[in-house]
Amino acid sequence: MLPSFFNLIQKRDGPVLNDWVLSAIPSHNVSWAIFTLIWGIGFYALWRGIEKPAIYINYLWTFIFVTILRVLAISLVPLDPPPGLIVLTDPLTAVFYGRSTITKDLFFSGHTSILFLAFLCLEKKWDKILALTGTLMVACLLLVQHVHYTIDVIAAPMIIYPVYRLVKYLLS
């Protein structure tokens, strides 16, 4: 379903937001750093989830709801990409997105969401510090590469947290 959805949203037009934060940051390709952090923290969280399956179950169920919310939000908030965008490419996720370049999956940031969700699901203090640090670094790097508007990155944790709390409640 996702490749069809992303191909559909690429065909529509939306406004370009006036983002004063992005206007102040020259764009640079930092894809390698973004994906090193995402996949590194992702595999670390998976390892912790193997040690304690409740972590993985919370993550997976919340991720399902977050994916549904992202599809809904992206459908309702059509945006054109920020000026200066440098396309973010990850060969591992091409399986889900298909081979086309996706630049209009903006509101809200999935990259920020998955790392913030790892932060919420991990239980040990240093694991949480690692995941939160990675989340903040990726959020900043996404802005450096002009992949997302500032609001996309800021909104992600605010949307993810109540979904995570709901899933924890439902699973308890």
N, C-alpha and C. Protein backbone atom coordinates (compact mmCIF):
# COMPACT_ATOMS: atom_id res chain seq x y z
N MET A 1 0.81 -1.19 0.00
CA MET A 1 0.00 0.00 0.00
C MET A 1 0.86 1.26 0.00
N LEU A 2 1.96 1.26 0.75
CA LEU A 2 2.74 2.49 0.89
C LEU A 2 3.34 2.99 -0.42
N PRO A 3 3.92 2.13 -1.27
CA PRO A 3 4.44 2.67 -2.54
C PRO A 3 3.36 3.38 -3.37
N SER A 4 2.16 2.82 -3.42
CA SER A 4 1.06 3.46 -4.17
C SER A 4 0.68 4.79 -3.54
N PHE A 5 0.60 4.82 -2.22
CA PHE A 5 0.26 6.05 -1.51
C PHE A 5 1.30 7.13 -1.78
N PHE A 6 2.58 6.79 -1.66
CA PHE A 6 3.63 7.79 -1.85
C PHE A 6 3.71 8.25 -3.30
N ASN A 7 3.45 7.38 -4.24
CA ASN A 7 3.40 7.80 -5.64
C ASN A 7 2.25 8.77 -5.87
N LEU A 8 1.12 8.53 -5.22
CA LEU A 8 -0.04 9.41 -5.34
C LEU A 8 0.25 10.81 -4.78
N ILE A 9 0.84 10.88 -3.61
CA ILE A 9 1.08 12.20 -3.01
C ILE A 9 2.15 12.99 -3.77
N GLN A 10 3.02 12.30 -4.47
CA GLN A 10 4.04 13.00 -5.25
C GLN A 10 3.42 13.76 -6.43
N LYS A 11 2.23 13.36 -6.85
CA LYS A 11 1.58 13.98 -8.02
C LYS A 11 0.78 15.23 -7.66
N ARG A 12 0.54 15.46 -6.39
CA ARG A 12 -0.28 16.61 -6.02
C ARG A 12 0.58 17.79 -5.61
N ASP A 13 -0.04 18.96 -5.68
CA ASP A 13 0.66 20.18 -5.31
C ASP A 13 0.18 20.67 -3.96
N GLY A 14 1.04 21.39 -3.30
CA GLY A 14 0.71 22.00 -2.02
C GLY A 14 1.53 23.26 -1.86
N PRO A 15 1.30 23.98 -0.80
CA PRO A 15 2.06 25.22 -0.59
C PRO A 15 3.49 24.92 -0.14
N VAL A 16 4.36 25.89 -0.38
CA VAL A 16 5.71 25.89 0.18
C VAL A 16 5.64 26.80 1.40
N LEU A 17 5.98 26.27 2.56
CA LEU A 17 5.89 27.06 3.79
C LEU A 17 7.04 28.03 3.90
N ASN A 18 6.77 29.17 4.53
CA ASN A 18 7.81 30.15 4.82
C ASN A 18 8.45 29.74 6.15
N ASP A 19 9.54 29.01 6.08
CA ASP A 19 10.21 28.47 7.27
C ASP A 19 11.48 29.26 7.52
N TRP A 20 11.44 30.16 8.50
CA TRP A 20 12.58 31.03 8.76
C TRP A 20 13.77 30.26 9.31
N VAL A 21 13.55 29.12 9.97
CA VAL A 21 14.67 28.30 10.45
C VAL A 21 15.43 27.72 9.26
N LEU A 22 14.69 27.11 8.31
CA LEU A 22 15.35 26.55 7.13
C LEU A 22 16.03 27.64 6.30
N SER A 23 15.42 28.81 6.25
CA SER A 23 16.02 29.91 5.49
C SER A 23 17.39 30.30 6.04
N ALA A 24 17.60 30.07 7.31
CA ALA A 24 18.86 30.45 7.96
C ALA A 24 19.92 29.35 7.87
N ILE A 25 19.53 28.16 7.39
CA ILE A 25 20.46 27.02 7.35
C ILE A 25 20.76 26.67 5.89
N PRO A 26 22.02 26.76 5.49
CA PRO A 26 22.35 26.28 4.13
C PRO A 26 22.20 24.75 4.08
N SER A 27 21.66 24.23 2.99
CA SER A 27 21.43 22.78 2.91
C SER A 27 22.71 22.04 2.54
N HIS A 28 22.87 20.89 3.18
CA HIS A 28 24.01 20.00 2.94
C HIS A 28 23.50 18.56 2.95
N ASN A 29 24.15 17.71 2.17
CA ASN A 29 23.79 16.30 2.15
C ASN A 29 24.44 15.61 3.35
N VAL A 30 23.60 15.22 4.30
CA VAL A 30 24.06 14.51 5.49
C VAL A 30 23.32 13.18 5.63
N SER A 31 22.93 12.61 4.49
CA SER A 31 22.19 11.35 4.49
C SER A 31 22.91 10.25 5.26
N TRP A 32 24.23 10.13 5.06
CA TRP A 32 24.98 9.07 5.72
C TRP A 32 24.85 9.17 7.24
N ALA A 33 24.91 10.39 7.78
CA ALA A 33 24.79 10.57 9.23
C ALA A 33 23.38 10.26 9.71
N ILE A 34 22.38 10.70 8.94
CA ILE A 34 20.99 10.44 9.30
C ILE A 34 20.73 8.95 9.38
N PHE A 35 21.14 8.22 8.35
CA PHE A 35 20.83 6.79 8.33
C PHE A 35 21.72 5.97 9.24
N THR A 36 22.92 6.44 9.52
CA THR A 36 23.76 5.77 10.52
C THR A 36 23.07 5.83 11.88
N LEU A 37 22.55 7.01 12.22
CA LEU A 37 21.85 7.17 13.51
C LEU A 37 20.54 6.38 13.53
N ILE A 38 19.75 6.48 12.48
CA ILE A 38 18.45 5.79 12.46
C ILE A 38 18.64 4.28 12.55
N TRP A 39 19.47 3.73 11.69
CA TRP A 39 19.64 2.27 11.69
C TRP A 39 20.41 1.80 12.92
N GLY A 40 21.36 2.59 13.40
CA GLY A 40 22.09 2.21 14.61
C GLY A 40 21.18 2.12 15.82
N ILE A 41 20.39 3.16 16.03
CA ILE A 41 19.46 3.16 17.17
C ILE A 41 18.36 2.14 16.95
N GLY A 42 17.92 2.00 15.70
CA GLY A 42 16.89 1.00 15.41
C GLY A 42 17.33 -0.42 15.74
N PHE A 43 18.53 -0.77 15.33
CA PHE A 43 19.04 -2.11 15.64
C PHE A 43 19.31 -2.28 17.14
N TYR A 44 19.76 -1.21 17.78
CA TYR A 44 19.98 -1.27 19.23
C TYR A 44 18.65 -1.50 19.96
N ALA A 45 17.62 -0.78 19.55
CA ALA A 45 16.30 -0.96 20.17
C ALA A 45 15.76 -2.37 19.90
N LEU A 46 16.00 -2.88 18.70
CA LEU A 46 15.59 -4.25 18.39
C LEU A 46 16.30 -5.24 19.30
N TRP A 47 17.58 -5.03 19.52
CA TRP A 47 18.34 -5.90 20.43
C TRP A 47 17.74 -5.86 21.83
N ARG A 48 17.41 -4.66 22.31
CA ARG A 48 16.76 -4.54 23.62
C ARG A 48 15.38 -5.21 23.61
N GLY A 49 14.69 -5.13 22.48
CA GLY A 49 13.39 -5.77 22.35
C GLY A 49 13.49 -7.29 22.36
N ILE A 50 14.58 -7.83 21.86
CA ILE A 50 14.79 -9.27 21.92
C ILE A 50 15.03 -9.69 23.37
N GLU A 51 15.76 -8.86 24.09
CA GLU A 51 16.00 -9.13 25.51
C GLU A 51 14.71 -9.05 26.33
N LYS A 52 13.87 -8.08 25.97
CA LYS A 52 12.59 -7.88 26.68
C LYS A 52 11.51 -7.63 25.64
N PRO A 53 10.77 -8.66 25.25
CA PRO A 53 9.79 -8.54 24.16
C PRO A 53 8.73 -7.46 24.35
N ALA A 54 8.43 -7.07 25.57
CA ALA A 54 7.42 -6.02 25.79
C ALA A 54 7.85 -4.71 25.11
N ILE A 55 9.15 -4.46 25.08
CA ILE A 55 9.66 -3.25 24.41
C ILE A 55 9.30 -3.32 22.93
N TYR A 56 9.57 -4.45 22.32
CA TYR A 56 9.29 -4.62 20.88
C TYR A 56 7.80 -4.56 20.60
N ILE A 57 7.00 -5.18 21.43
CA ILE A 57 5.54 -5.19 21.22
C ILE A 57 4.99 -3.77 21.32
N ASN A 58 5.42 -3.01 22.33
CA ASN A 58 4.99 -1.61 22.45
C ASN A 58 5.40 -0.80 21.22
N TYR A 59 6.65 -0.99 20.80
CA TYR A 59 7.15 -0.27 19.64
C TYR A 59 6.35 -0.61 18.40
N LEU A 60 6.16 -1.90 18.16
CA LEU A 60 5.48 -2.33 16.94
C LEU A 60 4.04 -1.84 16.87
N TRP A 61 3.29 -2.00 17.95
CA TRP A 61 1.89 -1.55 17.93
C TRP A 61 1.79 -0.03 17.79
N THR A 62 2.67 0.69 18.47
CA THR A 62 2.63 2.14 18.32
C THR A 62 3.02 2.54 16.91
N PHE A 63 4.02 1.86 16.34
CA PHE A 63 4.45 2.14 14.97
C PHE A 63 3.30 1.93 13.98
N ILE A 64 2.49 0.92 14.19
CA ILE A 64 1.34 0.67 13.31
C ILE A 64 0.38 1.87 13.36
N PHE A 65 0.05 2.33 14.55
CA PHE A 65 -0.86 3.47 14.69
C PHE A 65 -0.22 4.75 14.14
N VAL A 66 1.07 4.92 14.36
CA VAL A 66 1.78 6.10 13.85
C VAL A 66 1.77 6.10 12.33
N THR A 67 1.97 4.95 11.73
CA THR A 67 1.94 4.85 10.26
C THR A 67 0.57 5.25 9.73
N ILE A 68 -0.47 4.79 10.36
CA ILE A 68 -1.83 5.16 9.96
C ILE A 68 -2.03 6.67 10.11
N LEU A 69 -1.57 7.22 11.23
CA LEU A 69 -1.69 8.67 11.45
C LEU A 69 -0.89 9.47 10.43
N ARG A 70 0.31 8.99 10.08
CA ARG A 70 1.12 9.70 9.07
C ARG A 70 0.41 9.71 7.72
N VAL A 71 -0.16 8.58 7.32
CA VAL A 71 -0.88 8.52 6.05
C VAL A 71 -2.04 9.52 6.09
N LEU A 72 -2.76 9.56 7.20
CA LEU A 72 -3.88 10.49 7.34
C LEU A 72 -3.38 11.94 7.32
N ALA A 73 -2.33 12.24 8.09
CA ALA A 73 -1.82 13.61 8.16
C ALA A 73 -1.26 14.07 6.81
N ILE A 74 -0.51 13.21 6.15
CA ILE A 74 0.06 13.57 4.85
C ILE A 74 -1.06 13.78 3.83
N SER A 75 -2.12 12.98 3.94
CA SER A 75 -3.27 13.13 3.04
C SER A 75 -3.99 14.45 3.26
N LEU A 76 -4.10 14.86 4.52
CA LEU A 76 -4.85 16.08 4.86
C LEU A 76 -4.02 17.36 4.75
N VAL A 77 -2.69 17.23 4.79
CA VAL A 77 -1.82 18.41 4.77
C VAL A 77 -0.85 18.28 3.58
N PRO A 78 -1.33 18.58 2.38
CA PRO A 78 -0.44 18.51 1.22
C PRO A 78 0.55 19.67 1.23
N LEU A 79 1.83 19.34 1.15
CA LEU A 79 2.87 20.37 1.13
C LEU A 79 3.86 20.06 0.02
N ASP A 80 4.37 21.10 -0.59
CA ASP A 80 5.51 20.94 -1.49
C ASP A 80 6.77 20.99 -0.64
N PRO A 81 7.84 20.36 -1.11
CA PRO A 81 9.06 20.30 -0.31
C PRO A 81 9.69 21.66 -0.08
N PRO A 82 10.48 21.76 0.97
CA PRO A 82 11.16 23.02 1.26
C PRO A 82 12.18 23.38 0.19
N PRO A 83 12.40 24.67 -0.02
CA PRO A 83 13.47 25.08 -0.94
C PRO A 83 14.82 24.57 -0.45
N GLY A 84 15.66 24.14 -1.38
CA GLY A 84 16.98 23.65 -1.03
C GLY A 84 17.02 22.20 -0.61
N LEU A 85 15.89 21.50 -0.74
CA LEU A 85 15.84 20.10 -0.35
C LEU A 85 16.90 19.30 -1.11
N ILE A 86 17.64 18.49 -0.38
CA ILE A 86 18.53 17.51 -0.98
C ILE A 86 17.89 16.16 -0.70
N VAL A 87 17.61 15.42 -1.75
CA VAL A 87 16.85 14.17 -1.62
C VAL A 87 17.57 13.22 -0.68
N LEU A 88 16.80 12.68 0.24
CA LEU A 88 17.27 11.71 1.21
C LEU A 88 17.03 10.32 0.65
N THR A 89 18.08 9.55 0.47
CA THR A 89 17.93 8.21 -0.08
C THR A 89 18.49 7.18 0.87
N ASP A 90 17.73 6.13 1.08
CA ASP A 90 18.12 5.02 1.95
C ASP A 90 17.78 3.73 1.22
N PRO A 91 18.77 2.96 0.82
CA PRO A 91 18.50 1.74 0.07
C PRO A 91 17.70 0.70 0.86
N LEU A 92 17.77 0.73 2.18
CA LEU A 92 17.03 -0.25 2.98
C LEU A 92 15.53 0.00 2.96
N THR A 93 15.10 1.27 2.96
CA THR A 93 13.67 1.55 2.98
C THR A 93 13.05 1.60 1.59
N ALA A 94 13.87 1.48 0.56
CA ALA A 94 13.33 1.45 -0.81
C ALA A 94 12.35 0.29 -0.98
N VAL A 95 12.48 -0.73 -0.16
CA VAL A 95 11.57 -1.88 -0.20
C VAL A 95 10.14 -1.42 0.09
N PHE A 96 9.98 -0.49 1.03
CA PHE A 96 8.65 -0.03 1.44
C PHE A 96 8.14 1.12 0.58
N TYR A 97 9.04 2.01 0.19
CA TYR A 97 8.64 3.19 -0.56
C TYR A 97 8.61 2.96 -2.06
N GLY A 98 9.22 1.89 -2.51
CA GLY A 98 9.35 1.70 -3.94
C GLY A 98 10.59 2.41 -4.44
N ARG A 99 10.79 2.42 -5.73
CA ARG A 99 12.01 2.98 -6.32
C ARG A 99 11.92 4.47 -6.61
N SER A 100 10.75 5.06 -6.53
CA SER A 100 10.62 6.48 -6.86
C SER A 100 11.12 7.35 -5.70
N THR A 101 11.48 8.58 -6.04
CA THR A 101 11.92 9.54 -5.05
C THR A 101 10.71 10.17 -4.38
N ILE A 102 10.70 10.16 -3.08
CA ILE A 102 9.58 10.70 -2.31
C ILE A 102 10.06 11.97 -1.61
N THR A 103 9.39 13.08 -1.88
CA THR A 103 9.76 14.36 -1.26
C THR A 103 8.57 15.06 -0.60
N LYS A 104 7.36 14.52 -0.76
CA LYS A 104 6.17 15.21 -0.26
C LYS A 104 5.52 14.49 0.92
N ASP A 105 6.27 13.60 1.58
CA ASP A 105 5.76 12.94 2.79
C ASP A 105 6.21 13.75 4.00
N LEU A 106 5.69 14.97 4.10
CA LEU A 106 6.26 15.95 5.01
C LEU A 106 5.65 15.99 6.40
N PHE A 107 4.36 16.23 6.50
CA PHE A 107 3.80 16.44 7.85
C PHE A 107 3.17 15.16 8.37
N PHE A 108 3.77 14.58 9.31
CA PHE A 108 4.86 14.89 10.20
C PHE A 108 6.04 13.95 9.94
N SER A 109 7.20 14.25 10.45
CA SER A 109 8.43 13.52 10.13
C SER A 109 8.41 12.09 10.65
N GLY A 110 8.50 11.15 9.73
CA GLY A 110 8.58 9.74 10.11
C GLY A 110 9.94 9.40 10.70
N HIS A 111 11.00 10.03 10.21
CA HIS A 111 12.35 9.75 10.73
C HIS A 111 12.44 10.18 12.20
N THR A 112 11.93 11.35 12.50
CA THR A 112 11.93 11.82 13.89
C THR A 112 11.02 10.93 14.73
N SER A 113 9.90 10.53 14.18
CA SER A 113 8.93 9.71 14.90
C SER A 113 9.50 8.38 15.34
N ILE A 114 10.18 7.68 14.42
CA ILE A 114 10.64 6.33 14.79
C ILE A 114 11.74 6.38 15.85
N LEU A 115 12.56 7.41 15.82
CA LEU A 115 13.59 7.51 16.86
C LEU A 115 13.00 7.95 18.20
N PHE A 116 12.06 8.88 18.16
CA PHE A 116 11.42 9.30 19.40
C PHE A 116 10.63 8.14 20.00
N LEU A 117 10.04 7.33 19.17
CA LEU A 117 9.33 6.14 19.66
C LEU A 117 10.30 5.17 20.32
N ALA A 118 11.49 5.01 19.76
CA ALA A 118 12.51 4.17 20.41
C ALA A 118 12.84 4.73 21.79
N PHE A 119 12.99 6.05 21.88
CA PHE A 119 13.24 6.69 23.17
C PHE A 119 12.13 6.35 24.17
N LEU A 120 10.89 6.44 23.75
CA LEU A 120 9.78 6.16 24.65
C LEU A 120 9.74 4.70 25.08
N CYS A 121 10.04 3.79 24.17
CA CYS A 121 9.90 2.37 24.46
C CYS A 121 11.07 1.79 25.26
N LEU A 122 12.26 2.32 25.06
CA LEU A 122 13.41 1.81 25.81
C LEU A 122 13.24 2.15 27.29
N GLU A 123 13.80 1.29 28.15
CA GLU A 123 13.53 1.45 29.57
C GLU A 123 14.73 1.89 30.41
N LYS A 124 15.91 1.49 30.01
CA LYS A 124 17.10 1.83 30.80
C LYS A 124 17.50 3.28 30.57
N LYS A 125 18.01 3.91 31.63
CA LYS A 125 18.35 5.34 31.58
C LYS A 125 19.30 5.66 30.43
N TRP A 126 20.39 4.92 30.28
CA TRP A 126 21.37 5.23 29.23
C TRP A 126 20.84 4.90 27.85
N ASP A 127 19.96 3.92 27.75
CA ASP A 127 19.30 3.63 26.47
C ASP A 127 18.44 4.82 26.04
N LYS A 128 17.70 5.36 27.01
CA LYS A 128 16.85 6.51 26.73
C LYS A 128 17.68 7.73 26.33
N ILE A 129 18.79 7.94 27.03
CA ILE A 129 19.67 9.07 26.70
C ILE A 129 20.21 8.91 25.29
N LEU A 130 20.64 7.71 24.94
CA LEU A 130 21.15 7.43 23.60
C LEU A 130 20.08 7.70 22.54
N ALA A 131 18.88 7.19 22.76
CA ALA A 131 17.80 7.35 21.78
C ALA A 131 17.35 8.80 21.67
N LEU A 132 17.26 9.51 22.79
CA LEU A 132 16.84 10.92 22.74
C LEU A 132 17.91 11.77 22.05
N THR A 133 19.17 11.50 22.35
CA THR A 133 20.26 12.22 21.68
C THR A 133 20.22 11.96 20.18
N GLY A 134 20.02 10.70 19.79
CA GLY A 134 19.90 10.37 18.37
C GLY A 134 18.71 11.06 17.72
N THR A 135 17.60 11.13 18.44
CA THR A 135 16.41 11.80 17.92
C THR A 135 16.69 13.27 17.65
N LEU A 136 17.30 13.93 18.61
CA LEU A 136 17.61 15.36 18.45
C LEU A 136 18.61 15.58 17.32
N MET A 137 19.60 14.71 17.22
CA MET A 137 20.59 14.85 16.14
C MET A 137 19.94 14.66 14.77
N VAL A 138 19.11 13.63 14.64
CA VAL A 138 18.45 13.39 13.35
C VAL A 138 17.50 14.53 13.03
N ALA A 139 16.77 15.03 14.01
CA ALA A 139 15.88 16.17 13.77
C ALA A 139 16.66 17.35 13.20
N CYS A 140 17.80 17.64 13.79
CA CYS A 140 18.63 18.76 13.29
C CYS A 140 19.19 18.45 11.90
N LEU A 141 19.64 17.23 11.68
CA LEU A 141 20.20 16.87 10.38
C LEU A 141 19.15 16.89 9.28
N LEU A 142 17.92 16.53 9.60
CA LEU A 142 16.84 16.62 8.61
C LEU A 142 16.63 18.06 8.17
N LEU A 143 16.79 18.98 9.11
CA LEU A 143 16.67 20.41 8.78
C LEU A 143 17.88 20.87 7.97
N VAL A 144 19.06 20.39 8.30
CA VAL A 144 20.26 20.74 7.54
C VAL A 144 20.12 20.30 6.09
N GLN A 145 19.53 19.14 5.88
CA GLN A 145 19.36 18.63 4.52
C GLN A 145 18.09 19.18 3.86
N HIS A 146 17.31 19.94 4.61
CA HIS A 146 16.05 20.54 4.14
C HIS A 146 15.07 19.46 3.66
N VAL A 147 15.08 18.32 4.34
CA VAL A 147 14.18 17.21 4.02
C VAL A 147 12.78 17.49 4.55
N HIS A 148 12.70 18.19 5.68
CA HIS A 148 11.43 18.51 6.32
C HIS A 148 11.41 19.98 6.70
N TYR A 149 10.20 20.49 6.85
CA TYR A 149 10.02 21.80 7.46
C TYR A 149 10.23 21.64 8.97
N THR A 150 10.51 22.74 9.64
CA THR A 150 10.71 22.72 11.09
C THR A 150 9.47 22.18 11.79
N ILE A 151 8.30 22.57 11.35
CA ILE A 151 7.06 22.12 11.99
C ILE A 151 6.88 20.61 11.88
N ASP A 152 7.35 20.00 10.79
CA ASP A 152 7.26 18.54 10.62
C ASP A 152 8.04 17.82 11.71
N VAL A 153 9.21 18.37 12.01
CA VAL A 153 10.11 17.74 12.98
C VAL A 153 9.62 17.99 14.40
N ILE A 154 9.15 19.20 14.68
CA ILE A 154 8.67 19.53 16.02
C ILE A 154 7.37 18.80 16.34
N ALA A 155 6.50 18.66 15.35
CA ALA A 155 5.20 18.02 15.59
C ALA A 155 5.32 16.53 15.88
N ALA A 156 6.32 15.88 15.31
CA ALA A 156 6.43 14.42 15.44
C ALA A 156 6.38 13.93 16.89
N PRO A 157 7.23 14.41 17.79
CA PRO A 157 7.15 13.91 19.17
C PRO A 157 5.83 14.24 19.86
N MET A 158 5.27 15.41 19.52
CA MET A 158 4.00 15.80 20.15
C MET A 158 2.85 14.90 19.70
N ILE A 159 2.94 14.36 18.50
CA ILE A 159 1.93 13.44 18.00
C ILE A 159 2.19 12.03 18.50
N ILE A 160 3.46 11.64 18.54
CA ILE A 160 3.83 10.28 18.92
C ILE A 160 3.53 9.99 20.38
N TYR A 161 3.82 10.92 21.26
CA TYR A 161 3.68 10.65 22.70
C TYR A 161 2.27 10.20 23.09
N PRO A 162 1.20 10.91 22.72
CA PRO A 162 -0.13 10.42 23.11
C PRO A 162 -0.49 9.07 22.47
N VAL A 163 0.00 8.83 21.27
CA VAL A 163 -0.26 7.53 20.63
C VAL A 163 0.43 6.43 21.43
N TYR A 164 1.67 6.67 21.82
CA TYR A 164 2.41 5.71 22.64
C TYR A 164 1.68 5.44 23.95
N ARG A 165 1.21 6.50 24.61
CA ARG A 165 0.48 6.33 25.89
C ARG A 165 -0.81 5.53 25.68
N LEU A 166 -1.51 5.79 24.60
CA LEU A 166 -2.73 5.04 24.29
C LEU A 166 -2.41 3.57 24.09
N VAL A 167 -1.39 3.26 23.34
CA VAL A 167 -1.02 1.87 23.08
C VAL A 167 -0.61 1.19 24.38
N LYS A 168 0.17 1.88 25.22
CA LYS A 168 0.55 1.29 26.52
C LYS A 168 -0.70 0.98 27.34
N TYR A 169 -1.65 1.88 27.32
CA TYR A 169 -2.90 1.67 28.06
C TYR A 169 -3.65 0.47 27.50
N LEU A 170 -3.77 0.39 26.18
CA LEU A 170 -4.49 -0.71 25.54
C LEU A 170 -3.81 -2.05 25.77
N LEU A 171 -2.50 -2.06 25.81
CA LEU A 171 -1.77 -3.31 26.02
C LEU A 171 -1.77 -3.75 27.48
N SER A 172 -2.02 -2.80 28.38
CA SER A 172 -2.03 -3.18 29.79
C SER A 172 -3.37 -3.80 30.13
